[in-house]
Amino acid sequence: MIWLNPRAATPGFVPRTATMTAALTYVDLLLPADSFADLLRVPGEVARHARRG
């Protein structure tokens, strides 16, 4: 599962609510999505993650 979060670009960001913390156990990638440039980087990050398998 890929979670795109606009706050993920903030240094030191950690989801703090109980539900988001619980969801992290199912997340393969937590990526920033606060700009169009961040969204353009998503395919490359997914490909890199897939190669690590």
N, C-alpha and C. Protein backbone atom coordinates (compact mmCIF):
# COMPACT_ATOMS: atom_id res chain seq x y z
N MET A 1 0.84 -1.16 0.00
CA MET A 1 0.00 0.00 0.00
C MET A 1 0.90 1.23 0.00
N ILE A 2 0.48 2.22 -0.74
CA ILE A 2 1.21 3.48 -0.82
C ILE A 2 0.34 4.57 -0.21
N TRP A 3 0.91 5.29 0.71
CA TRP A 3 0.20 6.39 1.36
C TRP A 3 0.87 7.68 0.91
N LEU A 4 0.11 8.52 0.21
CA LEU A 4 0.59 9.84 -0.20
C LEU A 4 0.00 10.85 0.77
N ASN A 5 0.88 11.57 1.44
CA ASN A 5 0.43 12.50 2.46
C ASN A 5 1.15 13.83 2.28
N PRO A 6 0.43 14.94 2.19
CA PRO A 6 1.08 16.23 2.00
C PRO A 6 1.98 16.61 3.17
N ARG A 7 1.74 16.10 4.33
CA ARG A 7 2.57 16.44 5.49
C ARG A 7 3.85 15.60 5.58
N ALA A 8 3.93 14.55 4.80
CA ALA A 8 5.09 13.66 4.86
C ALA A 8 6.39 14.36 4.46
N ALA A 9 6.30 15.48 3.77
CA ALA A 9 7.50 16.23 3.37
C ALA A 9 8.08 17.04 4.53
N THR A 10 7.31 17.21 5.58
CA THR A 10 7.75 17.98 6.74
C THR A 10 8.80 17.18 7.51
N PRO A 11 9.97 17.77 7.76
CA PRO A 11 11.00 17.04 8.53
C PRO A 11 10.44 16.56 9.87
N GLY A 12 10.69 15.31 10.17
CA GLY A 12 10.26 14.73 11.43
C GLY A 12 8.80 14.31 11.47
N PHE A 13 8.12 14.36 10.33
CA PHE A 13 6.70 13.98 10.31
C PHE A 13 6.54 12.52 10.73
N VAL A 14 5.62 12.31 11.64
CA VAL A 14 5.21 10.96 12.06
C VAL A 14 3.71 11.02 12.30
N PRO A 15 2.95 10.13 11.68
CA PRO A 15 1.51 10.11 11.98
C PRO A 15 1.31 9.81 13.46
N ARG A 16 0.54 10.62 14.14
CA ARG A 16 0.42 10.48 15.58
C ARG A 16 -0.93 9.96 16.06
N THR A 17 -1.95 10.04 15.24
CA THR A 17 -3.25 9.53 15.70
C THR A 17 -3.20 8.01 15.75
N ALA A 18 -4.01 7.46 16.61
CA ALA A 18 -4.01 6.00 16.79
C ALA A 18 -4.36 5.28 15.49
N THR A 19 -5.33 5.80 14.76
CA THR A 19 -5.74 5.12 13.53
C THR A 19 -4.66 5.18 12.47
N MET A 20 -3.99 6.30 12.34
CA MET A 20 -2.92 6.41 11.35
C MET A 20 -1.71 5.58 11.75
N THR A 21 -1.41 5.53 13.01
CA THR A 21 -0.32 4.68 13.49
C THR A 21 -0.63 3.22 13.20
N ALA A 22 -1.87 2.81 13.42
CA ALA A 22 -2.27 1.44 13.13
C ALA A 22 -2.18 1.15 11.63
N ALA A 23 -2.54 2.13 10.82
CA ALA A 23 -2.50 1.94 9.36
C ALA A 23 -1.07 1.76 8.86
N LEU A 24 -0.10 2.34 9.54
CA LEU A 24 1.29 2.23 9.10
C LEU A 24 1.77 0.79 8.98
N THR A 25 1.19 -0.11 9.75
CA THR A 25 1.61 -1.51 9.65
C THR A 25 1.31 -2.10 8.28
N TYR A 26 0.41 -1.47 7.54
CA TYR A 26 0.02 -1.96 6.21
C TYR A 26 0.62 -1.15 5.07
N VAL A 27 1.36 -0.12 5.41
CA VAL A 27 1.90 0.81 4.41
C VAL A 27 3.30 0.37 3.98
N ASP A 28 3.48 0.21 2.67
CA ASP A 28 4.80 -0.13 2.13
C ASP A 28 5.63 1.12 1.88
N LEU A 29 4.97 2.18 1.45
CA LEU A 29 5.65 3.45 1.17
C LEU A 29 4.82 4.60 1.70
N LEU A 30 5.44 5.49 2.44
CA LEU A 30 4.81 6.73 2.88
C LEU A 30 5.56 7.84 2.16
N LEU A 31 4.89 8.49 1.22
CA LEU A 31 5.54 9.48 0.37
C LEU A 31 4.88 10.84 0.49
N PRO A 32 5.67 11.91 0.33
CA PRO A 32 5.08 13.24 0.35
C PRO A 32 4.27 13.51 -0.91
N ALA A 33 3.25 14.34 -0.77
CA ALA A 33 2.41 14.69 -1.92
C ALA A 33 1.93 16.12 -1.78
N ASP A 34 2.85 17.01 -1.44
CA ASP A 34 2.43 18.40 -1.25
C ASP A 34 2.73 19.28 -2.45
N SER A 35 3.24 18.68 -3.51
CA SER A 35 3.50 19.44 -4.73
C SER A 35 3.39 18.51 -5.94
N PHE A 36 3.26 19.12 -7.10
CA PHE A 36 3.21 18.34 -8.33
C PHE A 36 4.53 17.58 -8.53
N ALA A 37 5.64 18.20 -8.15
CA ALA A 37 6.95 17.54 -8.27
C ALA A 37 6.98 16.27 -7.42
N ASP A 38 6.40 16.31 -6.23
CA ASP A 38 6.34 15.11 -5.40
C ASP A 38 5.56 14.00 -6.10
N LEU A 39 4.45 14.37 -6.72
CA LEU A 39 3.63 13.38 -7.41
C LEU A 39 4.38 12.78 -8.60
N LEU A 40 5.18 13.58 -9.27
CA LEU A 40 5.96 13.07 -10.39
C LEU A 40 7.02 12.06 -9.95
N ARG A 41 7.45 12.15 -8.70
CA ARG A 41 8.46 11.22 -8.18
C ARG A 41 7.87 9.87 -7.74
N VAL A 42 6.56 9.80 -7.59
CA VAL A 42 5.93 8.58 -7.09
C VAL A 42 6.26 7.35 -7.94
N PRO A 43 6.11 7.40 -9.27
CA PRO A 43 6.41 6.18 -10.05
C PRO A 43 7.84 5.66 -9.85
N GLY A 44 8.80 6.55 -9.76
CA GLY A 44 10.18 6.12 -9.53
C GLY A 44 10.35 5.49 -8.17
N GLU A 45 9.72 6.05 -7.16
CA GLU A 45 9.80 5.48 -5.81
C GLU A 45 9.15 4.09 -5.78
N VAL A 46 8.03 3.95 -6.46
CA VAL A 46 7.36 2.64 -6.51
C VAL A 46 8.25 1.62 -7.21
N ALA A 47 8.85 2.02 -8.32
CA ALA A 47 9.75 1.11 -9.05
C ALA A 47 10.94 0.71 -8.19
N ARG A 48 11.54 1.67 -7.47
CA ARG A 48 12.66 1.37 -6.59
C ARG A 48 12.25 0.40 -5.50
N HIS A 49 11.09 0.63 -4.92
CA HIS A 49 10.59 -0.24 -3.87
C HIS A 49 10.34 -1.65 -4.41
N ALA A 50 9.80 -1.75 -5.62
CA ALA A 50 9.51 -3.05 -6.23
C ALA A 50 10.79 -3.84 -6.49
N ARG A 51 11.85 -3.14 -6.87
CA ARG A 51 13.14 -3.84 -7.13
C ARG A 51 13.72 -4.39 -5.84
N ARG A 52 13.49 -3.70 -4.72
CA ARG A 52 13.98 -4.19 -3.43
C ARG A 52 13.24 -5.42 -2.96
N GLY A 53 11.98 -5.53 -3.47
CA GLY A 53 11.11 -6.66 -3.23
C GLY A 53 11.00 -7.13 -1.88
